């Protein structure tokens, strides 16, 4: 009940502010590489727990949402960007 009371009184910005303070304190104490390490540990745990099929389902779900929220121009634009990236890699010795 205390958490609900604080949330009602202070709102979501309060939680954002204390979360940011906590993140800064962790970064100062452990360094920015700490976040990379715990992210990798989390990814490994998810992979072991759910397997490749899990990521396949996520990709299909995300692709469906992207398709539903963007038009053909969006895909043209990202296709051009991908083509430009490929061209620049070919030019680089």
N, C-alpha and C. Protein backbone atom coordinates (compact mmCIF):
# COMPACT_ATOMS: atom_id res chain seq x y z
N UNK A 1 0.83 -1.20 0.00
CA UNK A 1 0.00 0.00 0.00
C UNK A 1 0.86 1.26 0.00
N UNK A 2 2.03 1.20 0.65
CA UNK A 2 2.89 2.38 0.70
C UNK A 2 3.36 2.80 -0.68
N UNK A 3 3.70 1.82 -1.52
CA UNK A 3 4.16 2.12 -2.87
C UNK A 3 3.08 2.78 -3.70
N UNK A 4 1.84 2.32 -3.54
CA UNK A 4 0.72 2.91 -4.28
C UNK A 4 0.46 4.34 -3.83
N UNK A 5 0.61 4.56 -2.54
CA UNK A 5 0.39 5.90 -1.99
C UNK A 5 1.45 6.88 -2.51
N UNK A 6 2.71 6.42 -2.54
CA UNK A 6 3.79 7.26 -3.06
C UNK A 6 3.57 7.53 -4.54
N UNK A 7 3.18 6.51 -5.29
CA UNK A 7 2.94 6.67 -6.73
C UNK A 7 1.83 7.69 -6.98
N UNK A 8 0.77 7.62 -6.18
CA UNK A 8 -0.34 8.55 -6.35
C UNK A 8 0.07 9.97 -5.98
N UNK A 9 0.89 10.09 -4.95
CA UNK A 9 1.27 11.42 -4.48
C UNK A 9 2.34 12.06 -5.35
N UNK A 10 3.33 11.28 -5.81
CA UNK A 10 4.48 11.87 -6.49
C UNK A 10 4.48 11.68 -8.00
N UNK A 11 3.82 10.67 -8.51
CA UNK A 11 3.72 10.47 -9.94
C UNK A 11 4.93 9.77 -10.55
N UNK A 12 4.86 9.49 -11.85
CA UNK A 12 5.91 8.72 -12.52
C UNK A 12 7.25 9.46 -12.62
N UNK A 13 7.23 10.78 -12.65
CA UNK A 13 8.49 11.52 -12.75
C UNK A 13 9.39 11.28 -11.54
N UNK A 14 8.79 11.06 -10.41
CA UNK A 14 9.56 10.76 -9.19
C UNK A 14 10.35 9.47 -9.37
N UNK A 15 9.70 8.45 -9.91
CA UNK A 15 10.37 7.17 -10.11
C UNK A 15 11.44 7.27 -11.18
N UNK A 16 11.21 8.07 -12.21
CA UNK A 16 12.23 8.29 -13.23
C UNK A 16 13.47 8.94 -12.60
N UNK A 17 13.24 9.93 -11.76
CA UNK A 17 14.35 10.66 -11.14
C UNK A 17 15.18 9.76 -10.23
N UNK A 18 14.52 8.98 -9.39
CA UNK A 18 15.30 8.12 -8.48
C UNK A 18 15.95 6.97 -9.25
N UNK A 19 15.32 6.51 -10.31
CA UNK A 19 15.94 5.48 -11.14
C UNK A 19 17.20 6.00 -11.81
N UNK A 20 17.12 7.23 -12.29
CA UNK A 20 18.30 7.84 -12.93
C UNK A 20 19.42 8.01 -11.91
N UNK A 21 19.08 8.46 -10.71
CA UNK A 21 20.09 8.63 -9.65
C UNK A 21 20.75 7.29 -9.33
N UNK A 22 19.94 6.25 -9.26
CA UNK A 22 20.48 4.92 -8.97
C UNK A 22 21.40 4.44 -10.08
N UNK A 23 21.00 4.68 -11.33
CA UNK A 23 21.84 4.29 -12.46
C UNK A 23 23.17 5.01 -12.47
N UNK A 24 23.15 6.29 -12.14
CA UNK A 24 24.39 7.07 -12.08
C UNK A 24 25.28 6.55 -10.97
N UNK A 25 24.70 6.25 -9.82
CA UNK A 25 25.49 5.74 -8.70
C UNK A 25 26.14 4.40 -9.04
N UNK A 26 25.42 3.52 -9.72
CA UNK A 26 25.97 2.22 -10.11
C UNK A 26 27.10 2.41 -11.11
N UNK A 27 26.89 3.31 -12.09
CA UNK A 27 27.92 3.57 -13.09
C UNK A 27 29.19 4.11 -12.44
N UNK A 28 29.03 5.02 -11.49
CA UNK A 28 30.20 5.59 -10.81
C UNK A 28 30.93 4.54 -9.97
N UNK A 29 30.17 3.64 -9.39
CA UNK A 29 30.78 2.64 -8.51
C UNK A 29 31.45 1.51 -9.29
N UNK A 30 30.78 1.02 -10.36
CA UNK A 30 31.26 -0.17 -11.07
C UNK A 30 31.80 0.12 -12.47
N UNK A 31 31.54 1.29 -13.02
CA UNK A 31 31.97 1.61 -14.38
C UNK A 31 30.92 1.22 -15.41
N UNK A 32 31.05 1.78 -16.60
CA UNK A 32 30.04 1.54 -17.63
C UNK A 32 30.10 0.13 -18.19
N UNK A 33 31.26 -0.54 -18.09
CA UNK A 33 31.35 -1.92 -18.57
C UNK A 33 30.49 -2.88 -17.77
N UNK A 34 30.15 -2.48 -16.57
CA UNK A 34 29.29 -3.31 -15.71
C UNK A 34 27.95 -3.56 -16.40
N UNK A 35 27.39 -2.53 -17.03
CA UNK A 35 26.10 -2.68 -17.70
C UNK A 35 26.20 -3.66 -18.86
N UNK A 36 27.31 -3.61 -19.58
CA UNK A 36 27.52 -4.55 -20.68
C UNK A 36 27.57 -5.97 -20.15
N UNK A 37 28.28 -6.17 -19.06
CA UNK A 37 28.43 -7.51 -18.48
C UNK A 37 27.09 -8.07 -18.00
N UNK A 38 26.31 -7.26 -17.29
CA UNK A 38 25.03 -7.79 -16.79
C UNK A 38 24.04 -7.98 -17.94
N UNK A 39 24.14 -7.16 -18.98
CA UNK A 39 23.29 -7.36 -20.15
C UNK A 39 23.60 -8.67 -20.86
N UNK A 40 24.89 -8.99 -20.98
CA UNK A 40 25.28 -10.25 -21.59
C UNK A 40 24.82 -11.43 -20.76
N UNK A 41 24.95 -11.32 -19.44
CA UNK A 41 24.48 -12.39 -18.57
C UNK A 41 22.99 -12.62 -18.74
N UNK A 42 22.23 -11.52 -18.82
CA UNK A 42 20.79 -11.65 -19.02
C UNK A 42 20.45 -12.28 -20.34
N UNK A 43 21.17 -11.90 -21.39
CA UNK A 43 20.94 -12.48 -22.71
C UNK A 43 21.23 -13.96 -22.75
N UNK A 44 22.30 -14.37 -22.09
CA UNK A 44 22.66 -15.79 -22.03
C UNK A 44 21.58 -16.56 -21.29
N UNK A 45 21.10 -16.01 -20.19
CA UNK A 45 20.05 -16.67 -19.41
C UNK A 45 18.78 -16.84 -20.22
N UNK A 46 18.39 -15.80 -20.95
CA UNK A 46 17.18 -15.89 -21.78
C UNK A 46 17.37 -16.94 -22.88
N UNK A 47 18.55 -16.93 -23.51
CA UNK A 47 18.81 -17.90 -24.57
C UNK A 47 18.74 -19.33 -24.04
N UNK A 48 19.34 -19.56 -22.88
CA UNK A 48 19.33 -20.91 -22.32
C UNK A 48 17.93 -21.33 -21.88
N UNK A 49 17.18 -20.39 -21.37
CA UNK A 49 15.85 -20.70 -20.86
C UNK A 49 14.83 -20.92 -21.98
N UNK A 50 14.93 -20.11 -23.05
CA UNK A 50 13.87 -20.11 -24.06
C UNK A 50 14.29 -20.68 -25.41
N UNK A 51 15.56 -20.67 -25.75
CA UNK A 51 16.04 -21.23 -27.01
C UNK A 51 15.81 -20.32 -28.21
N UNK A 52 16.21 -20.82 -29.36
CA UNK A 52 16.16 -20.04 -30.60
C UNK A 52 14.73 -19.73 -31.03
N UNK A 53 13.80 -20.62 -30.76
CA UNK A 53 12.41 -20.41 -31.17
C UNK A 53 11.82 -19.15 -30.54
N UNK A 54 12.26 -18.84 -29.36
CA UNK A 54 11.80 -17.64 -28.66
C UNK A 54 12.17 -16.39 -29.45
N UNK A 55 13.42 -16.32 -29.90
CA UNK A 55 13.87 -15.17 -30.66
C UNK A 55 13.17 -15.09 -32.02
N UNK A 56 12.90 -16.23 -32.60
CA UNK A 56 12.16 -16.27 -33.87
C UNK A 56 10.77 -15.66 -33.69
N UNK A 57 10.08 -16.06 -32.62
CA UNK A 57 8.74 -15.52 -32.34
C UNK A 57 8.80 -14.01 -32.09
N UNK A 58 9.81 -13.57 -31.35
CA UNK A 58 9.96 -12.13 -31.10
C UNK A 58 10.17 -11.37 -32.41
N UNK A 59 11.00 -11.91 -33.28
CA UNK A 59 11.27 -11.25 -34.56
C UNK A 59 10.02 -11.16 -35.42
N UNK A 60 9.26 -12.22 -35.46
CA UNK A 60 8.03 -12.22 -36.25
C UNK A 60 7.03 -11.22 -35.67
N UNK A 61 6.91 -11.22 -34.36
CA UNK A 61 5.99 -10.30 -33.69
C UNK A 61 6.40 -8.84 -33.95
N UNK A 62 7.68 -8.55 -33.77
CA UNK A 62 8.19 -7.20 -34.00
C UNK A 62 8.04 -6.77 -35.45
N UNK A 63 8.31 -7.70 -36.36
CA UNK A 63 8.15 -7.39 -37.79
C UNK A 63 6.71 -7.10 -38.14
N UNK A 64 5.79 -7.83 -37.55
CA UNK A 64 4.36 -7.59 -37.79
C UNK A 64 3.91 -6.23 -37.28
N UNK A 65 4.40 -5.85 -36.12
CA UNK A 65 4.06 -4.55 -35.55
C UNK A 65 4.64 -3.43 -36.41
N UNK A 66 5.89 -3.61 -36.85
CA UNK A 66 6.51 -2.61 -37.71
C UNK A 66 5.73 -2.46 -39.00
N UNK A 67 5.34 -3.57 -39.59
CA UNK A 67 4.58 -3.53 -40.84
C UNK A 67 3.23 -2.84 -40.65
N UNK A 68 2.61 -3.06 -39.50
CA UNK A 68 1.31 -2.46 -39.24
C UNK A 68 1.40 -0.96 -38.97
N UNK A 69 2.54 -0.49 -38.50
CA UNK A 69 2.65 0.92 -38.12
C UNK A 69 3.41 1.78 -39.12
N UNK A 70 4.00 1.18 -40.14
CA UNK A 70 4.76 1.94 -41.13
C UNK A 70 4.26 1.63 -42.54
N UNK A 71 4.42 2.60 -43.43
CA UNK A 71 4.00 2.39 -44.81
C UNK A 71 5.19 1.98 -45.68
N UNK A 72 4.96 1.86 -46.98
CA UNK A 72 5.99 1.41 -47.91
C UNK A 72 7.17 2.37 -47.96
N UNK A 73 6.93 3.66 -47.76
CA UNK A 73 8.02 4.64 -47.79
C UNK A 73 9.07 4.35 -46.71
N UNK A 74 8.62 3.88 -45.58
CA UNK A 74 9.55 3.55 -44.49
C UNK A 74 10.51 2.44 -44.94
N UNK A 75 9.96 1.41 -45.57
CA UNK A 75 10.80 0.30 -46.02
C UNK A 75 11.72 0.73 -47.15
N UNK A 76 11.26 1.63 -48.01
CA UNK A 76 12.13 2.17 -49.06
C UNK A 76 13.31 2.91 -48.45
N UNK A 77 13.02 3.73 -47.43
CA UNK A 77 14.07 4.53 -46.79
C UNK A 77 15.11 3.64 -46.11
N UNK A 78 14.67 2.64 -45.36
CA UNK A 78 15.66 1.79 -44.69
C UNK A 78 16.39 0.90 -45.70
N UNK A 79 15.72 0.56 -46.78
CA UNK A 79 16.39 -0.20 -47.85
C UNK A 79 17.50 0.62 -48.48
N UNK A 80 17.24 1.90 -48.71
CA UNK A 80 18.27 2.78 -49.26
C UNK A 80 19.45 2.91 -48.31
N UNK A 81 19.15 3.06 -47.03
CA UNK A 81 20.22 3.17 -46.04
C UNK A 81 21.08 1.90 -46.03
N UNK A 82 20.45 0.76 -46.11
CA UNK A 82 21.20 -0.49 -46.14
C UNK A 82 22.05 -0.59 -47.39
N UNK A 83 21.50 -0.15 -48.52
CA UNK A 83 22.27 -0.16 -49.76
C UNK A 83 23.45 0.78 -49.70
N UNK A 84 23.27 1.95 -49.10
CA UNK A 84 24.37 2.90 -48.96
C UNK A 84 25.46 2.33 -48.06
N UNK A 85 25.07 1.65 -47.00
CA UNK A 85 26.06 1.05 -46.11
C UNK A 85 26.86 -0.01 -46.83
N UNK A 86 26.20 -0.81 -47.65
CA UNK A 86 26.89 -1.85 -48.41
C UNK A 86 27.86 -1.22 -49.40
N UNK A 87 27.43 -0.15 -50.08
CA UNK A 87 28.31 0.53 -51.04
C UNK A 87 29.53 1.10 -50.35
N UNK A 88 29.35 1.69 -49.19
CA UNK A 88 30.50 2.28 -48.50
C UNK A 88 31.48 1.21 -48.03
N UNK A 89 30.98 0.03 -47.69
CA UNK A 89 31.88 -1.06 -47.29
C UNK A 89 32.68 -1.55 -48.50
N UNK A 90 32.04 -1.55 -49.67
CA UNK A 90 32.75 -2.00 -50.87
C UNK A 90 33.87 -1.05 -51.23
N UNK A 91 33.67 0.24 -50.98
CA UNK A 91 34.67 1.26 -51.33
C UNK A 91 35.85 1.24 -50.37
N UNK A 92 35.61 0.82 -49.15
CA UNK A 92 36.66 0.83 -48.13
C UNK A 92 37.65 -0.31 -48.41
N UNK A 93 38.95 0.03 -48.53
CA UNK A 93 39.93 -1.03 -48.83
C UNK A 93 40.19 -1.94 -47.66
